[in-house]
Amino acid sequence: MICLTEQKAFITENYFRNGCKIDGEWSYSLQDCREEFRAFQIL
């Protein structure tokens, strides 16, 4: 899949923005990031 620069920026920002700290370690959900990216693409 070829992504535009703004798509890459959205994916990166979304991935880190949705991270949560559990027991002192950051956890990130790739699945949540994908779902939000797909919703972004529909707009």
C-alpha atoms as a PDB file:
ATOM      1  CA  MET A   1       0.000   0.000   0.000  1.00  0.00           C
ATOM      2  CA  ILE A   2       1.359   3.385  -0.972  1.00  0.00           C
ATOM      3  CA  CYS A   3       0.573   6.148   1.537  1.00  0.00           C
ATOM      4  CA  LEU A   4       0.627   9.872   1.071  1.00  0.00           C
ATOM      5  CA  THR A   5       2.662  12.006   3.447  1.00  0.00           C
ATOM      6  CA  GLU A   6      -0.445  13.202   5.301  1.00  0.00           C
ATOM      7  CA  GLN A   7      -1.645   9.595   5.673  1.00  0.00           C
ATOM      8  CA  LYS A   8       1.709   8.579   7.152  1.00  0.00           C
ATOM      9  CA  ALA A   9       1.546  11.532   9.541  1.00  0.00           C
ATOM     10  CA  PHE A  10      -1.983  10.579  10.609  1.00  0.00           C
ATOM     11  CA  ILE A  11      -0.963   6.973  11.291  1.00  0.00           C
ATOM     12  CA  THR A  12       2.107   7.986  13.319  1.00  0.00           C
ATOM     13  CA  GLU A  13       0.327  10.654  15.375  1.00  0.00           C
ATOM     14  CA  ASN A  14      -2.683   8.424  16.005  1.00  0.00           C
ATOM     15  CA  TYR A  15      -0.536   5.477  17.102  1.00  0.00           C
ATOM     16  CA  PHE A  16       1.296   7.481  19.757  1.00  0.00           C
ATOM     17  CA  ARG A  17      -1.674   9.632  20.798  1.00  0.00           C
ATOM     18  CA  ASN A  18      -3.718   6.563  21.713  1.00  0.00           C
ATOM     19  CA  GLY A  19      -1.004   4.970  23.822  1.00  0.00           C
ATOM     20  CA  CYS A  20      -1.723   4.312  27.477  1.00  0.00           C
ATOM     21  CA  LYS A  21       0.590   3.790  30.403  1.00  0.00           C
ATOM     22  CA  ILE A  22       0.078   0.501  32.239  1.00  0.00           C
ATOM     23  CA  ASP A  23       2.249  -0.302  35.256  1.00  0.00           C
ATOM     24  CA  GLY A  24       4.815   2.290  34.205  1.00  0.00           C
ATOM     25  CA  GLU A  25       5.131   1.019  30.613  1.00  0.00           C
ATOM     26  CA  TRP A  26       3.536   2.480  27.524  1.00  0.00           C
ATOM     27  CA  SER A  27       1.197   0.242  25.547  1.00  0.00           C
ATOM     28  CA  TYR A  28       0.024   0.941  22.010  1.00  0.00           C
ATOM     29  CA  SER A  29      -2.721  -0.723  19.986  1.00  0.00           C
ATOM     30  CA  LEU A  30      -2.039  -1.238  16.321  1.00  0.00           C
ATOM     31  CA  GLN A  31      -5.593  -2.504  15.850  1.00  0.00           C
ATOM     32  CA  ASP A  32      -7.094   0.732  17.251  1.00  0.00           C
ATOM     33  CA  CYS A  33      -4.803   2.722  14.991  1.00  0.00           C
ATOM     34  CA  ARG A  34      -5.917   0.743  11.921  1.00  0.00           C
ATOM     35  CA  GLU A  35      -9.595   1.205  12.753  1.00  0.00           C
ATOM     36  CA  GLU A  36      -9.229   4.962  13.133  1.00  0.00           C
ATOM     37  CA  PHE A  37      -7.204   5.150   9.919  1.00  0.00           C
ATOM     38  CA  ARG A  38      -9.947   3.292   8.017  1.00  0.00           C
ATOM     39  CA  ALA A  39     -12.556   5.681   9.449  1.00  0.00           C
ATOM     40  CA  PHE A  40     -10.291   8.591   8.401  1.00  0.00           C
ATOM     41  CA  GLN A  41     -10.141   7.215   4.838  1.00  0.00           C
ATOM     42  CA  ILE A  42     -13.934   7.156   4.558  1.00  0.00           C
ATOM     43  CA  LEU A  43     -14.155  10.887   5.239  1.00  0.00           C
END
